[in-house]
Each structure stands twice: as C-alpha cells, then as structure tokens.
Amino acid sequence: MADDSANKQLLHLVIGGELIDLERNEFKDLSKVDFVGLFPNYKSAAAAWKAKAQMSVDNAQMRYFIVHLHRLLDPSGDDHHH
C-alpha cells in the first residue's frame, strides 16, 4: 500500500495552439487546438510540452500549456491551490 502514493496518477493534459494575442491565453481557432496528449505525471507532461514548444519556436503566437487535470478532477485533494 505504501507504493500507492508514490505512484499515484496525477493526470496532466498538454494542449497548444495559436493565440489571438500574447496578452491573453485565448486561442485564435479552437478547431485547430493541438491536443498533444494526456500524461500520468508532471514530468512526462513537461517533456511533451518542451518538445512541442521547441518545434513551434518560429511562430510567436503559438503557445503550449500544461493543464493540471488532477486538480480539476479532485478539487478537495491536497494538490488543489487557488
């Protein structure tokens, strides 16, 4: 049972797309948002985010984000912060 907390699945979603402007995190076209994937922990999500961010470095309007889904799925959990 001790292994459960160490291997607890903390879902992270990596998405990206072209922003309307760099002042707001609003996508220009939601139908073109790149759903990179769902990851079991922050480390693997960050690796995917970094790869995608590097691939799109020539487009200043393109941004990728890591969404901490585990915080949204369990808002009463220890990881929830405002």
C-alpha atoms as a PDB file:
ATOM      1  CA  MET A   1       0.000   0.000   0.000  1.00  0.00           C
ATOM      2  CA  ALA A   2       2.901   2.394   0.601  1.00  0.00           C
ATOM      3  CA  ASP A   3       3.643   2.406  -3.122  1.00  0.00           C
ATOM      4  CA  ASP A   4       0.217   3.865  -3.959  1.00  0.00           C
ATOM      5  CA  SER A   5       1.084   7.447  -3.019  1.00  0.00           C
ATOM      6  CA  ALA A   6       4.443   7.362  -4.815  1.00  0.00           C
ATOM      7  CA  ASN A   7       2.838   6.015  -7.984  1.00  0.00           C
ATOM      8  CA  LYS A   8      -0.382   7.999  -7.715  1.00  0.00           C
ATOM      9  CA  GLN A   9      -1.679   9.009 -11.125  1.00  0.00           C
ATOM     10  CA  LEU A  10      -1.743  12.787 -11.439  1.00  0.00           C
ATOM     11  CA  LEU A  11      -3.293  13.484 -14.835  1.00  0.00           C
ATOM     12  CA  HIS A  12      -1.872  16.309 -16.928  1.00  0.00           C
ATOM     13  CA  LEU A  13      -3.112  17.435 -20.334  1.00  0.00           C
ATOM     14  CA  VAL A  14      -0.827  19.150 -22.845  1.00  0.00           C
ATOM     15  CA  ILE A  15      -2.515  21.395 -25.416  1.00  0.00           C
ATOM     16  CA  GLY A  16      -1.384  24.165 -27.696  1.00  0.00           C
ATOM     17  CA  GLY A  17      -2.397  26.480 -30.436  1.00  0.00           C
ATOM     18  CA  GLU A  18      -2.141  29.909 -31.945  1.00  0.00           C
ATOM     19  CA  LEU A  19      -3.195  32.697 -29.605  1.00  0.00           C
ATOM     20  CA  ILE A  20      -5.225  35.786 -30.539  1.00  0.00           C
ATOM     21  CA  ASP A  21      -2.553  37.851 -28.806  1.00  0.00           C
ATOM     22  CA  LEU A  22       0.187  37.210 -26.277  1.00  0.00           C
ATOM     23  CA  GLU A  23      -1.548  39.189 -23.540  1.00  0.00           C
ATOM     24  CA  ARG A  24      -4.371  36.668 -23.153  1.00  0.00           C
ATOM     25  CA  ASN A  25      -4.455  32.887 -23.239  1.00  0.00           C
ATOM     26  CA  GLU A  26      -7.212  32.793 -25.857  1.00  0.00           C
ATOM     27  CA  PHE A  27      -6.863  30.536 -28.861  1.00  0.00           C
ATOM     28  CA  LYS A  28      -7.403  32.031 -32.324  1.00  0.00           C
ATOM     29  CA  ASP A  29      -9.247  28.936 -33.599  1.00  0.00           C
ATOM     30  CA  LEU A  30     -10.451  26.248 -31.171  1.00  0.00           C
ATOM     31  CA  SER A  31     -10.903  23.767 -34.015  1.00  0.00           C
ATOM     32  CA  LYS A  32      -7.149  23.896 -34.587  1.00  0.00           C
ATOM     33  CA  VAL A  33      -6.045  23.366 -30.980  1.00  0.00           C
ATOM     34  CA  ASP A  34      -3.359  20.687 -30.789  1.00  0.00           C
ATOM     35  CA  PHE A  35      -4.280  18.092 -28.166  1.00  0.00           C
ATOM     36  CA  VAL A  36      -0.813  16.696 -27.549  1.00  0.00           C
ATOM     37  CA  GLY A  37      -1.897  14.112 -25.016  1.00  0.00           C
ATOM     38  CA  LEU A  38      -2.792  13.021 -21.532  1.00  0.00           C
ATOM     39  CA  PHE A  39       0.070  12.163 -19.192  1.00  0.00           C
ATOM     40  CA  PRO A  40       0.203  10.341 -15.828  1.00  0.00           C
ATOM     41  CA  ASN A  41       2.529  12.851 -14.146  1.00  0.00           C
ATOM     42  CA  TYR A  42       4.020  16.312 -14.499  1.00  0.00           C
ATOM     43  CA  LYS A  43       7.445  15.064 -15.573  1.00  0.00           C
ATOM     44  CA  SER A  44       6.160  13.288 -18.684  1.00  0.00           C
ATOM     45  CA  ALA A  45       3.788  16.179 -19.497  1.00  0.00           C
ATOM     46  CA  ALA A  46       6.643  18.686 -19.205  1.00  0.00           C
ATOM     47  CA  ALA A  47       8.787  16.634 -21.590  1.00  0.00           C
ATOM     48  CA  ALA A  48       5.995  16.617 -24.199  1.00  0.00           C
ATOM     49  CA  TRP A  49       5.333  20.323 -23.658  1.00  0.00           C
ATOM     50  CA  LYS A  50       9.011  21.169 -24.134  1.00  0.00           C
ATOM     51  CA  ALA A  51       9.259  19.162 -27.359  1.00  0.00           C
ATOM     52  CA  LYS A  52       6.181  20.856 -28.829  1.00  0.00           C
ATOM     53  CA  ALA A  53       7.260  24.319 -27.678  1.00  0.00           C
ATOM     54  CA  GLN A  54      10.654  23.861 -29.334  1.00  0.00           C
ATOM     55  CA  MET A  55       9.047  22.679 -32.585  1.00  0.00           C
ATOM     56  CA  SER A  56       6.870  25.811 -32.758  1.00  0.00           C
ATOM     57  CA  VAL A  57       9.539  28.336 -31.717  1.00  0.00           C
ATOM     58  CA  ASP A  58       9.346  30.119 -35.105  1.00  0.00           C
ATOM     59  CA  ASN A  59       5.686  31.060 -34.550  1.00  0.00           C
ATOM     60  CA  ALA A  60       5.495  33.746 -31.854  1.00  0.00           C
ATOM     61  CA  GLN A  61       1.714  33.345 -31.500  1.00  0.00           C
ATOM     62  CA  MET A  62       1.933  29.583 -30.884  1.00  0.00           C
ATOM     63  CA  ARG A  63       1.812  28.520 -27.243  1.00  0.00           C
ATOM     64  CA  TYR A  64       1.585  25.184 -25.447  1.00  0.00           C
ATOM     65  CA  PHE A  65       0.163  24.681 -21.974  1.00  0.00           C
ATOM     66  CA  ILE A  66       0.168  22.017 -19.269  1.00  0.00           C
ATOM     67  CA  VAL A  67      -3.256  21.644 -17.646  1.00  0.00           C
ATOM     68  CA  HIS A  68      -3.173  20.037 -14.190  1.00  0.00           C
ATOM     69  CA  LEU A  69      -6.257  17.863 -14.690  1.00  0.00           C
ATOM     70  CA  HIS A  70      -5.792  16.051 -11.397  1.00  0.00           C
ATOM     71  CA  ARG A  71      -6.568  19.333  -9.607  1.00  0.00           C
ATOM     72  CA  LEU A  72      -9.787  19.722 -11.570  1.00  0.00           C
ATOM     73  CA  LEU A  73     -10.882  16.113 -11.096  1.00  0.00           C
ATOM     74  CA  ASP A  74     -10.350  16.154  -7.323  1.00  0.00           C
ATOM     75  CA  PRO A  75     -10.760  19.732  -6.101  1.00  0.00           C
ATOM     76  CA  SER A  76     -10.819  18.579  -2.472  1.00  0.00           C
ATOM     77  CA  GLY A  77      -7.424  16.868  -2.797  1.00  0.00           C
ATOM     78  CA  ASP A  78      -4.123  18.028  -1.314  1.00  0.00           C
ATOM     79  CA  ASP A  79      -2.877  19.364  -4.639  1.00  0.00           C
ATOM     80  CA  HIS A  80      -5.638  21.972  -5.004  1.00  0.00           C
ATOM     81  CA  HIS A  81      -4.429  25.558  -4.685  1.00  0.00           C
ATOM     82  CA  HIS A  82      -6.070  28.822  -5.727  1.00  0.00           C
END
